[in-house]
Amino acid sequence: MTATKLVTAEELAEMPDDGYRYDLIAGELIKQMPANFEHGWLAAQIAWILLNFVKPRRLGLVLGAETGFKLAVNPDHVLGPDVAFVRADRVPAQRERRRFLQLAPDLAVEVISPSDSARLVTDKVMDYLDHGVPLVWVVDPVRRTITIWNSDRTARLLREGEELDGGEVLPDFRVAVAAIFEE
């Protein structure tokens, strides 16, 4: 029986770009396919909507696709949500931002890709919640729905015609679900 060599967050950061994305789950590399066009567009759309709400109010930072968050150490656990938000009072100093930070985002957004299994998405949501992320949105481009997951593991499915809100993480944030999917 051969033991798998565990990878650290620092080793992940130094890996050459091979065109794939990776999550680091308990020290093991999990290869992800590159995002398709629709996935990339939706992630950018959500980031833009959030940024237009967050920036003028100076609430914190909205981070783009695949920003790695170091959620645990020894073994290291790094996840890169498609979009993330970190409250202003938790934003790290500028000099610390050139590496994976040991920090859970306040909001993690995952856009489901065609290659994502339901189990993979659920496991990722539970990973976020287990590591202190208080709010997770799962965006399904095929069904045009958004599932809101809260820290208490309750979930609420929203459809077009309903409104997405930021809960306690982004009070006063509201957007029509349909607006997320509009070109």
N, C-alpha and C. Protein backbone atom coordinates (compact mmCIF):
# COMPACT_ATOMS: atom_id res chain seq x y z
N MET A 1 0.85 -1.17 0.00
CA MET A 1 0.00 0.00 0.00
C MET A 1 0.89 1.24 0.00
N THR A 2 0.65 2.15 -0.94
CA THR A 2 1.45 3.36 -1.06
C THR A 2 0.70 4.53 -0.48
N ALA A 3 1.37 5.30 0.36
CA ALA A 3 0.75 6.49 0.95
C ALA A 3 0.83 7.62 -0.06
N THR A 4 -0.23 8.38 -0.15
CA THR A 4 -0.27 9.54 -1.02
C THR A 4 0.44 10.69 -0.33
N LYS A 5 1.33 11.37 -1.06
CA LYS A 5 2.01 12.53 -0.50
C LYS A 5 1.01 13.68 -0.46
N LEU A 6 0.83 14.24 0.73
CA LEU A 6 -0.08 15.36 0.87
C LEU A 6 0.58 16.64 0.36
N VAL A 7 -0.22 17.48 -0.25
CA VAL A 7 0.24 18.74 -0.83
C VAL A 7 -0.15 19.86 0.12
N THR A 8 0.72 20.85 0.26
CA THR A 8 0.40 22.02 1.08
C THR A 8 -0.15 23.13 0.21
N ALA A 9 -0.76 24.11 0.84
CA ALA A 9 -1.27 25.27 0.11
C ALA A 9 -0.12 25.99 -0.60
N GLU A 10 1.03 26.05 0.03
CA GLU A 10 2.19 26.71 -0.58
C GLU A 10 2.66 25.97 -1.82
N GLU A 11 2.66 24.64 -1.78
CA GLU A 11 3.03 23.85 -2.96
C GLU A 11 2.00 24.03 -4.08
N LEU A 12 0.73 24.09 -3.72
CA LEU A 12 -0.31 24.33 -4.71
C LEU A 12 -0.09 25.68 -5.40
N ALA A 13 0.24 26.69 -4.63
CA ALA A 13 0.46 28.03 -5.18
C ALA A 13 1.64 28.08 -6.14
N GLU A 14 2.61 27.20 -5.95
CA GLU A 14 3.82 27.18 -6.77
C GLU A 14 3.71 26.25 -7.99
N MET A 15 2.63 25.51 -8.10
CA MET A 15 2.48 24.58 -9.22
C MET A 15 2.41 25.33 -10.53
N PRO A 16 3.02 24.79 -11.58
CA PRO A 16 2.91 25.44 -12.89
C PRO A 16 1.48 25.36 -13.41
N ASP A 17 1.09 26.34 -14.20
CA ASP A 17 -0.25 26.38 -14.77
C ASP A 17 -0.35 25.32 -15.87
N ASP A 18 -1.22 24.34 -15.67
CA ASP A 18 -1.41 23.29 -16.68
C ASP A 18 -2.78 23.40 -17.35
N GLY A 19 -3.46 24.54 -17.14
CA GLY A 19 -4.75 24.75 -17.78
C GLY A 19 -5.94 24.25 -16.96
N TYR A 20 -5.66 23.58 -15.84
CA TYR A 20 -6.73 23.09 -14.98
C TYR A 20 -6.79 23.93 -13.71
N ARG A 21 -7.91 23.80 -13.01
CA ARG A 21 -8.06 24.41 -11.69
C ARG A 21 -8.00 23.28 -10.67
N TYR A 22 -7.56 23.59 -9.47
CA TYR A 22 -7.47 22.57 -8.44
C TYR A 22 -8.06 23.07 -7.13
N ASP A 23 -8.74 22.18 -6.45
CA ASP A 23 -9.08 22.38 -5.05
C ASP A 23 -8.11 21.50 -4.28
N LEU A 24 -7.87 21.86 -3.04
CA LEU A 24 -7.01 21.06 -2.17
C LEU A 24 -7.87 20.62 -1.01
N ILE A 25 -8.22 19.35 -0.98
CA ILE A 25 -9.10 18.81 0.04
C ILE A 25 -8.29 17.91 0.96
N ALA A 26 -8.11 18.36 2.20
CA ALA A 26 -7.34 17.60 3.19
C ALA A 26 -5.99 17.17 2.62
N GLY A 27 -5.34 18.09 1.90
CA GLY A 27 -4.00 17.84 1.38
C GLY A 27 -3.95 17.11 0.04
N GLU A 28 -5.09 16.70 -0.50
CA GLU A 28 -5.11 16.00 -1.78
C GLU A 28 -5.63 16.91 -2.88
N LEU A 29 -4.92 16.92 -4.01
CA LEU A 29 -5.31 17.74 -5.16
C LEU A 29 -6.52 17.13 -5.85
N ILE A 30 -7.51 17.98 -6.11
CA ILE A 30 -8.70 17.57 -6.85
C ILE A 30 -8.75 18.42 -8.11
N LYS A 31 -8.56 17.76 -9.26
CA LYS A 31 -8.52 18.47 -10.55
C LYS A 31 -9.92 18.87 -10.98
N GLN A 32 -10.05 20.11 -11.44
CA GLN A 32 -11.31 20.64 -11.94
C GLN A 32 -11.13 21.01 -13.40
N MET A 33 -12.15 20.78 -14.18
CA MET A 33 -12.10 21.17 -15.59
C MET A 33 -12.18 22.69 -15.69
N PRO A 34 -11.59 23.28 -16.73
CA PRO A 34 -11.76 24.73 -16.92
C PRO A 34 -13.25 25.04 -17.11
N ALA A 35 -13.65 26.23 -16.72
CA ALA A 35 -15.05 26.63 -16.82
C ALA A 35 -15.45 26.84 -18.28
N ASN A 36 -16.71 26.51 -18.60
CA ASN A 36 -17.20 26.77 -19.95
C ASN A 36 -17.66 28.23 -20.06
N PHE A 37 -18.06 28.64 -21.23
CA PHE A 37 -18.44 30.02 -21.51
C PHE A 37 -19.57 30.50 -20.60
N GLU A 38 -20.64 29.69 -20.52
CA GLU A 38 -21.79 30.08 -19.72
C GLU A 38 -21.41 30.24 -18.25
N HIS A 39 -20.62 29.32 -17.75
CA HIS A 39 -20.17 29.35 -16.36
C HIS A 39 -19.38 30.63 -16.10
N GLY A 40 -18.45 30.94 -16.98
CA GLY A 40 -17.63 32.14 -16.82
C GLY A 40 -18.45 33.41 -16.88
N TRP A 41 -19.42 33.44 -17.80
CA TRP A 41 -20.27 34.61 -17.91
C TRP A 41 -21.12 34.80 -16.66
N LEU A 42 -21.73 33.72 -16.15
CA LEU A 42 -22.56 33.83 -14.95
C LEU A 42 -21.75 34.26 -13.74
N ALA A 43 -20.55 33.70 -13.57
CA ALA A 43 -19.70 34.11 -12.45
C ALA A 43 -19.37 35.60 -12.54
N ALA A 44 -19.05 36.07 -13.75
CA ALA A 44 -18.75 37.50 -13.94
C ALA A 44 -19.98 38.35 -13.67
N GLN A 45 -21.13 37.90 -14.12
CA GLN A 45 -22.39 38.62 -13.91
C GLN A 45 -22.68 38.78 -12.42
N ILE A 46 -22.53 37.70 -11.67
CA ILE A 46 -22.78 37.74 -10.23
C ILE A 46 -21.77 38.65 -9.54
N ALA A 47 -20.51 38.53 -9.92
CA ALA A 47 -19.47 39.40 -9.34
C ALA A 47 -19.79 40.86 -9.61
N TRP A 48 -20.22 41.17 -10.83
CA TRP A 48 -20.55 42.55 -11.20
C TRP A 48 -21.72 43.08 -10.38
N ILE A 49 -22.77 42.26 -10.23
CA ILE A 49 -23.94 42.67 -9.44
C ILE A 49 -23.54 42.91 -7.99
N LEU A 50 -22.76 42.00 -7.43
CA LEU A 50 -22.30 42.17 -6.04
C LEU A 50 -21.40 43.39 -5.90
N LEU A 51 -20.48 43.54 -6.83
CA LEU A 51 -19.54 44.67 -6.77
C LEU A 51 -20.27 46.01 -6.81
N ASN A 52 -21.30 46.10 -7.63
CA ASN A 52 -22.08 47.34 -7.71
C ASN A 52 -22.85 47.64 -6.43
N PHE A 53 -23.09 46.63 -5.63
CA PHE A 53 -23.73 46.84 -4.33
C PHE A 53 -22.68 47.11 -3.24
N VAL A 54 -21.63 46.33 -3.23
CA VAL A 54 -20.64 46.35 -2.15
C VAL A 54 -19.73 47.58 -2.21
N LYS A 55 -19.20 47.89 -3.38
CA LYS A 55 -18.17 48.93 -3.49
C LYS A 55 -18.64 50.32 -3.05
N PRO A 56 -19.78 50.83 -3.54
CA PRO A 56 -20.19 52.18 -3.11
C PRO A 56 -20.46 52.27 -1.60
N ARG A 57 -20.78 51.15 -0.99
CA ARG A 57 -21.09 51.13 0.44
C ARG A 57 -19.87 50.79 1.28
N ARG A 58 -18.77 50.47 0.59
CA ARG A 58 -17.50 50.10 1.26
C ARG A 58 -17.71 48.97 2.28
N LEU A 59 -18.43 47.94 1.82
CA LEU A 59 -18.77 46.82 2.70
C LEU A 59 -17.66 45.77 2.76
N GLY A 60 -16.75 45.78 1.80
CA GLY A 60 -15.70 44.77 1.75
C GLY A 60 -15.24 44.58 0.33
N LEU A 61 -14.75 43.38 0.04
CA LEU A 61 -14.23 43.08 -1.29
C LEU A 61 -14.97 41.90 -1.92
N VAL A 62 -15.25 42.04 -3.22
CA VAL A 62 -15.79 40.95 -4.02
C VAL A 62 -14.61 40.37 -4.78
N LEU A 63 -14.47 39.07 -4.72
CA LEU A 63 -13.32 38.41 -5.35
C LEU A 63 -13.79 37.54 -6.51
N GLY A 64 -12.97 37.53 -7.55
CA GLY A 64 -13.31 36.83 -8.78
C GLY A 64 -13.06 35.34 -8.69
N ALA A 65 -13.38 34.71 -9.78
CA ALA A 65 -13.34 33.26 -9.90
C ALA A 65 -12.01 32.68 -9.45
N GLU A 66 -12.13 31.64 -8.69
CA GLU A 66 -11.02 30.79 -8.28
C GLU A 66 -10.03 31.42 -7.31
N THR A 67 -10.43 32.45 -6.58
CA THR A 67 -9.58 32.96 -5.51
C THR A 67 -9.50 31.88 -4.45
N GLY A 68 -8.30 31.43 -4.15
CA GLY A 68 -8.13 30.33 -3.19
C GLY A 68 -8.20 30.81 -1.76
N PHE A 69 -9.04 30.14 -0.97
CA PHE A 69 -9.16 30.40 0.46
C PHE A 69 -8.64 29.18 1.21
N LYS A 70 -7.67 29.40 2.07
CA LYS A 70 -7.10 28.32 2.88
C LYS A 70 -8.00 28.15 4.11
N LEU A 71 -8.80 27.11 4.09
CA LEU A 71 -9.81 26.92 5.13
C LEU A 71 -9.33 26.08 6.30
N ALA A 72 -8.26 25.33 6.11
CA ALA A 72 -7.72 24.50 7.18
C ALA A 72 -6.24 24.22 6.88
N VAL A 73 -5.51 23.87 7.92
CA VAL A 73 -4.10 23.53 7.77
C VAL A 73 -3.80 22.17 8.38
N ASN A 74 -2.79 21.54 7.84
CA ASN A 74 -2.19 20.30 8.36
C ASN A 74 -3.20 19.18 8.56
N PRO A 75 -3.79 18.63 7.53
CA PRO A 75 -3.53 18.88 6.12
C PRO A 75 -4.28 20.13 5.63
N ASP A 76 -3.69 20.74 4.60
CA ASP A 76 -4.23 21.98 4.07
C ASP A 76 -5.49 21.72 3.24
N HIS A 77 -6.36 22.71 3.28
CA HIS A 77 -7.65 22.64 2.61
C HIS A 77 -7.86 23.98 1.93
N VAL A 78 -7.82 24.01 0.59
CA VAL A 78 -7.97 25.26 -0.17
C VAL A 78 -9.10 25.09 -1.18
N LEU A 79 -10.09 25.98 -1.10
CA LEU A 79 -11.17 25.98 -2.07
C LEU A 79 -11.22 27.33 -2.76
N GLY A 80 -11.61 27.31 -4.03
CA GLY A 80 -11.71 28.53 -4.83
C GLY A 80 -13.11 28.69 -5.37
N PRO A 81 -13.97 29.45 -4.66
CA PRO A 81 -15.32 29.66 -5.17
C PRO A 81 -15.31 30.46 -6.47
N ASP A 82 -16.40 30.39 -7.20
CA ASP A 82 -16.50 31.14 -8.46
C ASP A 82 -16.58 32.64 -8.20
N VAL A 83 -17.21 33.03 -7.10
CA VAL A 83 -17.27 34.42 -6.65
C VAL A 83 -17.25 34.36 -5.13
N ALA A 84 -16.63 35.35 -4.51
CA ALA A 84 -16.61 35.40 -3.05
C ALA A 84 -16.73 36.84 -2.58
N PHE A 85 -17.16 36.99 -1.35
CA PHE A 85 -17.23 38.29 -0.69
C PHE A 85 -16.61 38.16 0.69
N VAL A 86 -15.77 39.17 1.04
CA VAL A 86 -15.18 39.24 2.38
C VAL A 86 -15.52 40.62 2.95
N ARG A 87 -16.11 40.64 4.15
CA ARG A 87 -16.48 41.89 4.80
C ARG A 87 -15.25 42.77 5.04
N ALA A 88 -15.47 44.08 5.02
CA ALA A 88 -14.39 45.06 5.16
C ALA A 88 -13.56 44.84 6.41
N ASP A 89 -14.19 44.52 7.52
CA ASP A 89 -13.45 44.35 8.78
C ASP A 89 -12.61 43.07 8.80
N ARG A 90 -12.75 42.23 7.78
CA ARG A 90 -11.99 40.98 7.71
C ARG A 90 -11.00 40.96 6.54
N VAL A 91 -10.98 42.02 5.76
CA VAL A 91 -10.09 42.08 4.60
C VAL A 91 -8.65 42.15 5.09
N PRO A 92 -7.79 41.28 4.59
CA PRO A 92 -6.39 41.29 5.03
C PRO A 92 -5.62 42.50 4.49
N ALA A 93 -4.52 42.78 5.16
CA ALA A 93 -3.64 43.86 4.72
C ALA A 93 -3.12 43.56 3.32
N GLN A 94 -2.83 44.60 2.58
CA GLN A 94 -2.37 44.49 1.19
C GLN A 94 -1.17 43.54 1.07
N ARG A 95 -0.22 43.63 1.97
CA ARG A 95 1.01 42.81 1.89
C ARG A 95 0.74 41.31 2.05
N GLU A 96 -0.43 40.95 2.60
CA GLU A 96 -0.76 39.53 2.82
C GLU A 96 -1.52 38.90 1.65
N ARG A 97 -1.89 39.68 0.66
CA ARG A 97 -2.81 39.21 -0.37
C ARG A 97 -2.15 38.45 -1.52
N ARG A 98 -0.90 38.21 -1.50
CA ARG A 98 -0.21 37.54 -2.60
C ARG A 98 -0.08 36.03 -2.39
N ARG A 99 -0.84 35.52 -1.45
CA ARG A 99 -0.81 34.08 -1.16
C ARG A 99 -2.23 33.65 -0.79
N PHE A 100 -2.40 32.34 -0.64
CA PHE A 100 -3.68 31.86 -0.13
C PHE A 100 -3.77 32.29 1.33
N LEU A 101 -4.85 32.92 1.70
CA LEU A 101 -5.00 33.36 3.08
C LEU A 101 -5.81 32.36 3.88
N GLN A 102 -5.45 32.20 5.12
CA GLN A 102 -6.24 31.34 6.00
C GLN A 102 -7.43 32.18 6.46
N LEU A 103 -8.47 32.09 5.65
CA LEU A 103 -9.62 32.95 5.82
C LEU A 103 -10.80 32.31 5.09
N ALA A 104 -11.94 32.25 5.76
CA ALA A 104 -13.16 31.79 5.09
C ALA A 104 -13.91 33.01 4.59
N PRO A 105 -14.35 33.01 3.33
CA PRO A 105 -15.13 34.15 2.86
C PRO A 105 -16.46 34.23 3.61
N ASP A 106 -17.06 35.40 3.59
CA ASP A 106 -18.38 35.57 4.20
C ASP A 106 -19.48 35.05 3.29
N LEU A 107 -19.22 35.06 1.99
CA LEU A 107 -20.12 34.52 0.99
C LEU A 107 -19.29 33.79 -0.05
N ALA A 108 -19.68 32.55 -0.34
CA ALA A 108 -19.07 31.79 -1.43
C ALA A 108 -20.17 31.48 -2.44
N VAL A 109 -19.88 31.72 -3.73
CA VAL A 109 -20.84 31.45 -4.79
C VAL A 109 -20.25 30.38 -5.69
N GLU A 110 -21.02 29.35 -5.93
CA GLU A 110 -20.63 28.28 -6.84
C GLU A 110 -21.62 28.23 -7.99
N VAL A 111 -21.11 28.29 -9.21
CA VAL A 111 -21.92 28.12 -10.40
C VAL A 111 -21.73 26.68 -10.86
N ILE A 112 -22.82 25.95 -11.00
CA ILE A 112 -22.73 24.54 -11.38
C ILE A 112 -22.29 24.42 -12.84
N SER A 113 -21.29 23.58 -13.07
CA SER A 113 -20.79 23.29 -14.42
C SER A 113 -21.38 21.96 -14.89
N PRO A 114 -21.40 21.73 -16.20
CA PRO A 114 -21.91 20.45 -16.71
C PRO A 114 -21.14 19.25 -16.14
N SER A 115 -19.88 19.42 -15.81
CA SER A 115 -19.08 18.31 -15.30
C SER A 115 -19.25 18.08 -13.80
N ASP A 116 -20.00 18.95 -13.12
CA ASP A 116 -20.20 18.82 -11.67
C ASP A 116 -21.30 17.83 -11.36
N SER A 117 -21.00 16.87 -10.52
CA SER A 117 -22.04 15.96 -10.04
C SER A 117 -22.76 16.62 -8.87
N ALA A 118 -23.96 16.15 -8.59
CA ALA A 118 -24.71 16.68 -7.45
C ALA A 118 -23.93 16.45 -6.16
N ARG A 119 -23.27 15.31 -6.06
CA ARG A 119 -22.48 15.00 -4.86
C ARG A 119 -21.31 15.97 -4.71
N LEU A 120 -20.62 16.27 -5.80
CA LEU A 120 -19.50 17.21 -5.76
C LEU A 120 -19.95 18.58 -5.25
N VAL A 121 -21.06 19.05 -5.78
CA VAL A 121 -21.58 20.36 -5.38
C VAL A 121 -21.97 20.35 -3.90
N THR A 122 -22.69 19.32 -3.48
CA THR A 122 -23.11 19.21 -2.08
C THR A 122 -21.90 19.11 -1.16
N ASP A 123 -20.91 18.31 -1.55
CA ASP A 123 -19.70 18.19 -0.73
C ASP A 123 -18.99 19.53 -0.60
N LYS A 124 -18.94 20.28 -1.68
CA LYS A 124 -18.27 21.59 -1.65
C LYS A 124 -19.04 22.56 -0.74
N VAL A 125 -20.35 22.56 -0.85
CA VAL A 125 -21.17 23.42 0.02
C VAL A 125 -20.92 23.06 1.48
N MET A 126 -20.94 21.77 1.80
CA MET A 126 -20.72 21.34 3.18
C MET A 126 -19.31 21.70 3.66
N ASP A 127 -18.32 21.61 2.75
CA ASP A 127 -16.96 22.03 3.09
C ASP A 127 -16.94 23.50 3.49
N TYR A 128 -17.57 24.34 2.69
CA TYR A 128 -17.63 25.76 3.02
C TYR A 128 -18.27 25.97 4.39
N LEU A 129 -19.42 25.37 4.60
CA LEU A 129 -20.14 25.56 5.86
C LEU A 129 -19.35 25.00 7.04
N ASP A 130 -18.73 23.83 6.86
CA ASP A 130 -17.92 23.22 7.92
C ASP A 130 -16.74 24.10 8.32
N HIS A 131 -16.26 24.90 7.39
CA HIS A 131 -15.08 25.73 7.64
C HIS A 131 -15.42 27.20 7.89
N GLY A 132 -16.67 27.47 8.25
CA GLY A 132 -17.02 28.79 8.74
C GLY A 132 -17.59 29.79 7.75
N VAL A 133 -17.89 29.37 6.53
CA VAL A 133 -18.52 30.29 5.58
C VAL A 133 -20.00 30.39 5.97
N PRO A 134 -20.49 31.60 6.30
CA PRO A 134 -21.87 31.70 6.77
C PRO A 134 -22.95 31.67 5.69
N LEU A 135 -22.56 31.92 4.42
CA LEU A 135 -23.56 31.99 3.36
C LEU A 135 -22.97 31.45 2.06
N VAL A 136 -23.68 30.52 1.43
CA VAL A 136 -23.25 29.94 0.15
C VAL A 136 -24.43 30.00 -0.81
N TRP A 137 -24.14 30.49 -2.01
CA TRP A 137 -25.15 30.47 -3.08
C TRP A 137 -24.70 29.47 -4.13
N VAL A 138 -25.59 28.58 -4.54
CA VAL A 138 -25.32 27.64 -5.62
C VAL A 138 -26.22 28.01 -6.79
N VAL A 139 -25.60 28.38 -7.90
CA VAL A 139 -26.31 28.88 -9.07
C VAL A 139 -26.38 27.76 -10.11
N ASP A 140 -27.58 27.42 -10.51
CA ASP A 140 -27.79 26.35 -11.50
C ASP A 140 -28.24 26.99 -12.81
N PRO A 141 -27.33 27.08 -13.81
CA PRO A 141 -27.68 27.72 -15.07
C PRO A 141 -28.69 26.95 -15.91
N VAL A 142 -28.78 25.65 -15.74
CA VAL A 142 -29.72 24.85 -16.52
C VAL A 142 -31.15 25.06 -16.00
N ARG A 143 -31.32 24.97 -14.71
CA ARG A 143 -32.66 25.14 -14.12
C ARG A 143 -32.98 26.60 -13.83
N ARG A 144 -31.97 27.45 -13.95
CA ARG A 144 -32.10 28.89 -13.67
C ARG A 144 -32.64 29.12 -12.26
N THR A 145 -31.95 28.45 -11.33
CA THR A 145 -32.30 28.56 -9.91
C THR A 145 -31.06 28.93 -9.11
N ILE A 146 -31.30 29.40 -7.90
CA ILE A 146 -30.23 29.67 -6.95
C ILE A 146 -30.65 29.06 -5.62
N THR A 147 -29.76 28.25 -5.05
CA THR A 147 -30.01 27.67 -3.73
C THR A 147 -29.16 28.44 -2.73
N ILE A 148 -29.82 28.95 -1.71
CA ILE A 148 -29.13 29.68 -0.65
C ILE A 148 -28.91 28.70 0.51
N TRP A 149 -27.66 28.56 0.92
CA TRP A 149 -27.30 27.72 2.06
C TRP A 149 -26.83 28.63 3.19
N ASN A 150 -27.36 28.42 4.39
CA ASN A 150 -26.97 29.18 5.57
C ASN A 150 -26.11 28.33 6.50
N SER A 151 -25.44 28.98 7.43
CA SER A 151 -24.51 28.29 8.33
C SER A 151 -25.19 27.18 9.14
N ASP A 152 -26.49 27.28 9.37
CA ASP A 152 -27.21 26.23 10.11
C ASP A 152 -27.61 25.06 9.21
N ARG A 153 -27.13 25.08 7.98
CA ARG A 153 -27.33 24.03 6.97
C ARG A 153 -28.75 24.01 6.40
N THR A 154 -29.51 25.07 6.63
CA THR A 154 -30.81 25.16 5.97
C THR A 154 -30.58 25.70 4.57
N ALA A 155 -31.41 25.23 3.67
CA ALA A 155 -31.29 25.65 2.27
C ALA A 155 -32.66 26.13 1.78
N ARG A 156 -32.60 27.09 0.85
CA ARG A 156 -33.82 27.61 0.25
C ARG A 156 -33.58 27.73 -1.25
N LEU A 157 -34.46 27.14 -2.04
CA LEU A 157 -34.36 27.16 -3.49
C LEU A 157 -35.16 28.34 -4.03
N LEU A 158 -34.50 29.17 -4.85
CA LEU A 158 -35.16 30.31 -5.47
C LEU A 158 -35.25 30.09 -6.97
N ARG A 159 -36.38 30.46 -7.53
CA ARG A 159 -36.61 30.36 -8.97
C ARG A 159 -36.78 31.76 -9.55
N GLU A 160 -36.76 31.82 -10.88
CA GLU A 160 -37.05 33.09 -11.53
C GLU A 160 -38.42 33.56 -11.05
N GLY A 161 -38.56 34.85 -10.86
CA GLY A 161 -39.79 35.39 -10.29
C GLY A 161 -39.64 35.65 -8.80
N GLU A 162 -38.57 35.10 -8.21
CA GLU A 162 -38.30 35.34 -6.78
C GLU A 162 -37.10 36.27 -6.66
N GLU A 163 -36.80 36.65 -5.42
CA GLU A 163 -35.74 37.61 -5.17
C GLU A 163 -34.65 37.00 -4.29
N LEU A 164 -33.41 37.20 -4.68
CA LEU A 164 -32.24 36.77 -3.93
C LEU A 164 -31.86 37.90 -2.98
N ASP A 165 -31.60 37.55 -1.72
CA ASP A 165 -31.14 38.57 -0.78
C ASP A 165 -29.83 38.11 -0.14
N GLY A 166 -29.17 39.06 0.52
CA GLY A 166 -27.87 38.78 1.12
C GLY A 166 -27.91 38.34 2.56
N GLY A 167 -29.10 38.12 3.10
CA GLY A 167 -29.23 37.67 4.48
C GLY A 167 -28.49 38.58 5.44
N GLU A 168 -27.93 37.99 6.48
CA GLU A 168 -27.18 38.76 7.47
C GLU A 168 -25.81 39.17 6.96
N VAL A 169 -25.31 38.50 5.93
CA VAL A 169 -23.98 38.80 5.40
C VAL A 169 -24.00 40.12 4.63
N LEU A 170 -25.01 40.32 3.80
CA LEU A 170 -25.16 41.54 3.01
C LEU A 170 -26.56 42.12 3.20
N PRO A 171 -26.81 42.70 4.38
CA PRO A 171 -28.15 43.26 4.62
C PRO A 171 -28.50 44.29 3.53
N ASP A 172 -29.74 44.34 3.17
CA ASP A 172 -30.28 45.27 2.18
C ASP A 172 -29.95 44.89 0.73
N PHE A 173 -29.14 43.85 0.51
CA PHE A 173 -28.88 43.40 -0.86
C PHE A 173 -30.08 42.60 -1.35
N ARG A 174 -30.59 42.99 -2.51
CA ARG A 174 -31.69 42.27 -3.15
C ARG A 174 -31.55 42.38 -4.65
N VAL A 175 -31.80 41.27 -5.33
CA VAL A 175 -31.80 41.27 -6.79
C VAL A 175 -32.76 40.17 -7.25
N ALA A 176 -33.46 40.44 -8.32
CA ALA A 176 -34.35 39.44 -8.89
C ALA A 176 -33.51 38.28 -9.43
N VAL A 177 -33.95 37.06 -9.14
CA VAL A 177 -33.23 35.88 -9.66
C VAL A 177 -33.13 35.97 -11.18
N ALA A 178 -34.19 36.40 -11.83
CA ALA A 178 -34.18 36.52 -13.29
C ALA A 178 -33.06 37.44 -13.77
N ALA A 179 -32.75 38.50 -13.01
CA ALA A 179 -31.70 39.44 -13.40
C ALA A 179 -30.32 38.79 -13.44
N ILE A 180 -30.12 37.78 -12.61
CA ILE A 180 -28.83 37.06 -12.61
C ILE A 180 -28.59 36.40 -13.95
N PHE A 181 -29.67 35.91 -14.57
CA PHE A 181 -29.55 35.14 -15.80
C PHE A 181 -29.77 35.97 -17.07
N GLU A 182 -30.02 37.27 -16.92
CA GLU A 182 -30.25 38.14 -18.09
C GLU A 182 -28.93 38.52 -18.74
N GLU A 183 -28.92 38.50 -20.06
CA GLU A 183 -27.73 38.93 -20.79
C GLU A 183 -27.80 40.42 -21.02
